[in-house]
């Protein structure tokens, strides 16, 4: 049995009532670096979820980002 790391990320977008929630295999440090770069440069925030799908949000539209802790996701027969 082995573990895959999983981080839950919640993003509030200005003028949008619902937050965007994704589960990513990126580390909290990688997500924080990407968010900081997008906010400082006014560029886009690009994240990848655990299924490999890309999420792209303009940095100027980000209201807040809630980055959860790295939690192991159990994979294998012992995951039950």
N, C-alpha and C. Protein backbone atom coordinates (compact mmCIF):
# COMPACT_ATOMS: atom_id res chain seq x y z
N UNK A 1 0.85 -1.17 0.00
CA UNK A 1 0.00 0.00 0.00
C UNK A 1 0.90 1.23 0.00
N UNK A 2 0.51 2.24 -0.79
CA UNK A 2 1.28 3.48 -0.82
C UNK A 2 0.33 4.67 -0.72
N UNK A 3 0.88 5.83 -0.47
CA UNK A 3 0.07 7.02 -0.26
C UNK A 3 0.31 8.04 -1.36
N UNK A 4 -0.75 8.70 -1.78
CA UNK A 4 -0.65 9.87 -2.65
C UNK A 4 -1.07 11.06 -1.81
N UNK A 5 -0.34 12.14 -1.93
CA UNK A 5 -0.68 13.33 -1.16
C UNK A 5 -1.78 14.08 -1.86
N UNK A 6 -2.65 14.69 -1.07
CA UNK A 6 -3.81 15.40 -1.59
C UNK A 6 -3.97 16.69 -0.80
N UNK A 7 -4.24 17.79 -1.52
CA UNK A 7 -4.47 19.08 -0.90
C UNK A 7 -5.81 19.61 -1.41
N UNK A 8 -6.68 20.01 -0.49
CA UNK A 8 -7.94 20.63 -0.88
C UNK A 8 -7.71 22.14 -0.96
N UNK A 9 -8.10 22.73 -2.09
CA UNK A 9 -7.92 24.15 -2.33
C UNK A 9 -9.28 24.78 -2.60
N UNK A 10 -9.58 25.85 -1.85
CA UNK A 10 -10.82 26.60 -2.06
C UNK A 10 -10.44 28.00 -2.53
N UNK A 11 -11.05 28.42 -3.64
CA UNK A 11 -10.72 29.72 -4.23
C UNK A 11 -11.99 30.54 -4.35
N UNK A 12 -11.97 31.72 -3.74
CA UNK A 12 -13.07 32.66 -3.88
C UNK A 12 -12.77 33.61 -5.01
N UNK A 13 -13.71 33.76 -5.92
CA UNK A 13 -13.53 34.63 -7.08
C UNK A 13 -14.44 35.84 -6.91
N UNK A 14 -13.90 37.03 -7.16
CA UNK A 14 -14.68 38.25 -6.98
C UNK A 14 -15.91 38.25 -7.89
N UNK A 15 -17.01 38.73 -7.36
CA UNK A 15 -18.30 38.82 -8.06
C UNK A 15 -18.90 37.46 -8.43
N UNK A 16 -18.47 36.40 -7.77
CA UNK A 16 -19.03 35.07 -7.98
C UNK A 16 -19.43 34.54 -6.61
N UNK A 17 -20.67 34.08 -6.48
CA UNK A 17 -21.19 33.65 -5.19
C UNK A 17 -20.60 32.35 -4.66
N UNK A 18 -20.23 31.44 -5.54
CA UNK A 18 -19.73 30.14 -5.10
C UNK A 18 -18.22 30.10 -5.21
N UNK A 19 -17.61 29.38 -4.27
CA UNK A 19 -16.17 29.20 -4.34
C UNK A 19 -15.84 28.00 -5.20
N UNK A 20 -14.65 27.99 -5.75
CA UNK A 20 -14.16 26.87 -6.55
C UNK A 20 -13.37 25.96 -5.61
N UNK A 21 -13.68 24.68 -5.60
CA UNK A 21 -12.99 23.73 -4.73
C UNK A 21 -12.39 22.64 -5.59
N UNK A 22 -11.07 22.42 -5.44
CA UNK A 22 -10.43 21.34 -6.16
C UNK A 22 -9.55 20.55 -5.20
N UNK A 23 -9.32 19.30 -5.52
CA UNK A 23 -8.35 18.46 -4.83
C UNK A 23 -7.16 18.32 -5.76
N UNK A 24 -5.99 18.65 -5.25
CA UNK A 24 -4.79 18.64 -6.07
C UNK A 24 -3.73 17.75 -5.47
N UNK A 25 -2.87 17.21 -6.32
CA UNK A 25 -1.73 16.43 -5.84
C UNK A 25 -0.50 17.31 -5.68
N UNK A 26 -0.63 18.61 -5.97
CA UNK A 26 0.46 19.54 -5.73
C UNK A 26 0.60 19.75 -4.23
N UNK A 27 1.79 20.11 -3.78
CA UNK A 27 2.01 20.35 -2.36
C UNK A 27 1.48 21.73 -1.98
N UNK A 28 1.31 21.96 -0.70
CA UNK A 28 0.86 23.28 -0.25
C UNK A 28 1.86 24.36 -0.64
N UNK A 29 3.14 24.04 -0.59
CA UNK A 29 4.17 25.01 -0.98
C UNK A 29 4.07 25.36 -2.46
N UNK A 30 3.82 24.37 -3.31
CA UNK A 30 3.69 24.63 -4.75
C UNK A 30 2.46 25.50 -5.04
N UNK A 31 1.36 25.22 -4.35
CA UNK A 31 0.14 26.00 -4.55
C UNK A 31 0.35 27.43 -4.08
N UNK A 32 0.96 27.59 -2.90
CA UNK A 32 1.20 28.93 -2.37
C UNK A 32 2.11 29.74 -3.28
N UNK A 33 3.14 29.11 -3.83
CA UNK A 33 4.03 29.79 -4.76
C UNK A 33 3.29 30.24 -6.02
N UNK A 34 2.44 29.37 -6.55
CA UNK A 34 1.67 29.70 -7.76
C UNK A 34 0.69 30.84 -7.50
N UNK A 35 0.03 30.82 -6.34
CA UNK A 35 -0.93 31.87 -5.99
C UNK A 35 -0.22 33.20 -5.81
N UNK A 36 0.88 33.19 -5.08
CA UNK A 36 1.64 34.42 -4.84
C UNK A 36 2.15 35.01 -6.14
N UNK A 37 2.67 34.19 -7.03
CA UNK A 37 3.16 34.66 -8.32
C UNK A 37 2.04 35.28 -9.16
N UNK A 38 0.87 34.64 -9.15
CA UNK A 38 -0.26 35.16 -9.93
C UNK A 38 -0.75 36.49 -9.37
N UNK A 39 -0.77 36.63 -8.05
CA UNK A 39 -1.23 37.88 -7.45
C UNK A 39 -0.23 39.01 -7.64
N UNK A 40 1.06 38.72 -7.49
CA UNK A 40 2.08 39.75 -7.64
C UNK A 40 2.23 40.23 -9.07
N UNK A 41 2.18 39.31 -10.02
CA UNK A 41 2.39 39.65 -11.42
C UNK A 41 1.11 40.04 -12.14
N UNK A 42 -0.03 39.79 -11.51
CA UNK A 42 -1.30 40.06 -12.18
C UNK A 42 -1.54 39.11 -13.34
N UNK A 43 -0.92 37.94 -13.27
CA UNK A 43 -1.10 36.95 -14.33
C UNK A 43 -2.18 35.95 -13.93
N UNK A 44 -2.22 34.82 -14.58
CA UNK A 44 -3.23 33.82 -14.28
C UNK A 44 -2.70 32.81 -13.26
N UNK A 45 -3.62 32.27 -12.48
CA UNK A 45 -3.31 31.18 -11.56
C UNK A 45 -3.69 29.89 -12.27
N UNK A 46 -2.72 29.01 -12.42
CA UNK A 46 -2.95 27.74 -13.10
C UNK A 46 -2.64 26.61 -12.12
N UNK A 47 -3.65 25.79 -11.83
CA UNK A 47 -3.50 24.65 -10.93
C UNK A 47 -3.99 23.40 -11.64
N UNK A 48 -3.51 22.26 -11.20
CA UNK A 48 -3.92 20.98 -11.77
C UNK A 48 -4.57 20.14 -10.68
N UNK A 49 -5.76 19.59 -10.98
CA UNK A 49 -6.43 18.77 -9.97
C UNK A 49 -5.89 17.35 -10.01
N UNK A 50 -6.39 16.49 -9.13
CA UNK A 50 -5.86 15.14 -9.01
C UNK A 50 -6.16 14.25 -10.21
N UNK A 51 -7.05 14.67 -11.06
CA UNK A 51 -7.36 13.91 -12.28
C UNK A 51 -6.61 14.44 -13.50
N UNK A 52 -5.77 15.47 -13.28
CA UNK A 52 -4.97 16.03 -14.37
C UNK A 52 -5.63 17.17 -15.11
N UNK A 53 -6.80 17.61 -14.67
CA UNK A 53 -7.48 18.73 -15.33
C UNK A 53 -6.88 20.05 -14.85
N UNK A 54 -6.80 21.02 -15.75
CA UNK A 54 -6.23 22.33 -15.44
C UNK A 54 -7.33 23.30 -15.04
N UNK A 55 -7.02 24.14 -14.05
CA UNK A 55 -7.90 25.21 -13.61
C UNK A 55 -7.11 26.50 -13.79
N UNK A 56 -7.65 27.43 -14.57
CA UNK A 56 -6.97 28.69 -14.84
C UNK A 56 -7.89 29.84 -14.43
N UNK A 57 -7.40 30.70 -13.54
CA UNK A 57 -8.18 31.83 -13.03
C UNK A 57 -7.33 33.09 -13.15
N UNK A 58 -7.90 34.17 -13.67
CA UNK A 58 -7.13 35.43 -13.72
C UNK A 58 -6.78 35.88 -12.30
N UNK A 59 -5.52 36.23 -12.08
CA UNK A 59 -5.06 36.64 -10.75
C UNK A 59 -5.80 37.84 -10.21
N UNK A 60 -6.25 38.72 -11.10
CA UNK A 60 -6.95 39.93 -10.67
C UNK A 60 -8.36 39.63 -10.14
N UNK A 61 -8.88 38.44 -10.39
CA UNK A 61 -10.23 38.06 -9.95
C UNK A 61 -10.23 37.21 -8.68
N UNK A 62 -9.06 36.91 -8.15
CA UNK A 62 -8.97 36.07 -6.95
C UNK A 62 -9.32 36.90 -5.73
N UNK A 63 -10.33 36.46 -4.99
CA UNK A 63 -10.73 37.12 -3.75
C UNK A 63 -9.98 36.54 -2.56
N UNK A 64 -9.90 35.22 -2.49
CA UNK A 64 -9.16 34.54 -1.42
C UNK A 64 -8.82 33.13 -1.88
N UNK A 65 -7.82 32.55 -1.22
CA UNK A 65 -7.44 31.17 -1.47
C UNK A 65 -7.23 30.49 -0.13
N UNK A 66 -7.93 29.38 0.08
CA UNK A 66 -7.80 28.58 1.30
C UNK A 66 -7.10 27.28 0.90
N UNK A 67 -5.87 27.13 1.38
CA UNK A 67 -5.08 25.95 1.05
C UNK A 67 -5.07 25.01 2.25
N UNK A 68 -5.63 23.83 2.07
CA UNK A 68 -5.65 22.85 3.15
C UNK A 68 -4.28 22.23 3.36
N UNK A 69 -4.17 21.42 4.38
CA UNK A 69 -2.91 20.74 4.68
C UNK A 69 -2.74 19.55 3.76
N UNK A 70 -1.46 19.18 3.54
CA UNK A 70 -1.17 17.97 2.79
C UNK A 70 -1.68 16.78 3.59
N UNK A 71 -2.59 16.02 3.02
CA UNK A 71 -3.10 14.83 3.69
C UNK A 71 -2.87 13.63 2.80
N UNK A 72 -2.44 12.52 3.39
CA UNK A 72 -2.22 11.34 2.57
C UNK A 72 -3.55 10.73 2.15
N UNK A 73 -3.62 10.33 0.92
CA UNK A 73 -4.78 9.60 0.41
C UNK A 73 -4.33 8.19 0.20
N UNK A 74 -4.93 7.28 0.92
CA UNK A 74 -4.52 5.89 0.84
C UNK A 74 -4.98 5.27 -0.47
N UNK A 75 -4.06 4.60 -1.11
CA UNK A 75 -4.35 3.94 -2.37
C UNK A 75 -3.97 2.48 -2.23
N UNK A 76 -4.81 1.60 -2.69
CA UNK A 76 -4.52 0.17 -2.61
C UNK A 76 -5.62 -0.56 -1.88
N UNK A 77 -5.39 -1.81 -1.57
CA UNK A 77 -6.40 -2.63 -0.94
C UNK A 77 -6.68 -2.22 0.49
N UNK A 78 -5.76 -1.56 1.14
CA UNK A 78 -5.95 -1.13 2.52
C UNK A 78 -6.70 0.18 2.63
N UNK A 79 -7.15 0.74 1.51
CA UNK A 79 -7.82 2.04 1.51
C UNK A 79 -9.28 1.96 1.96
N UNK A 80 -9.79 0.78 2.17
CA UNK A 80 -11.19 0.58 2.51
C UNK A 80 -11.51 1.06 3.88
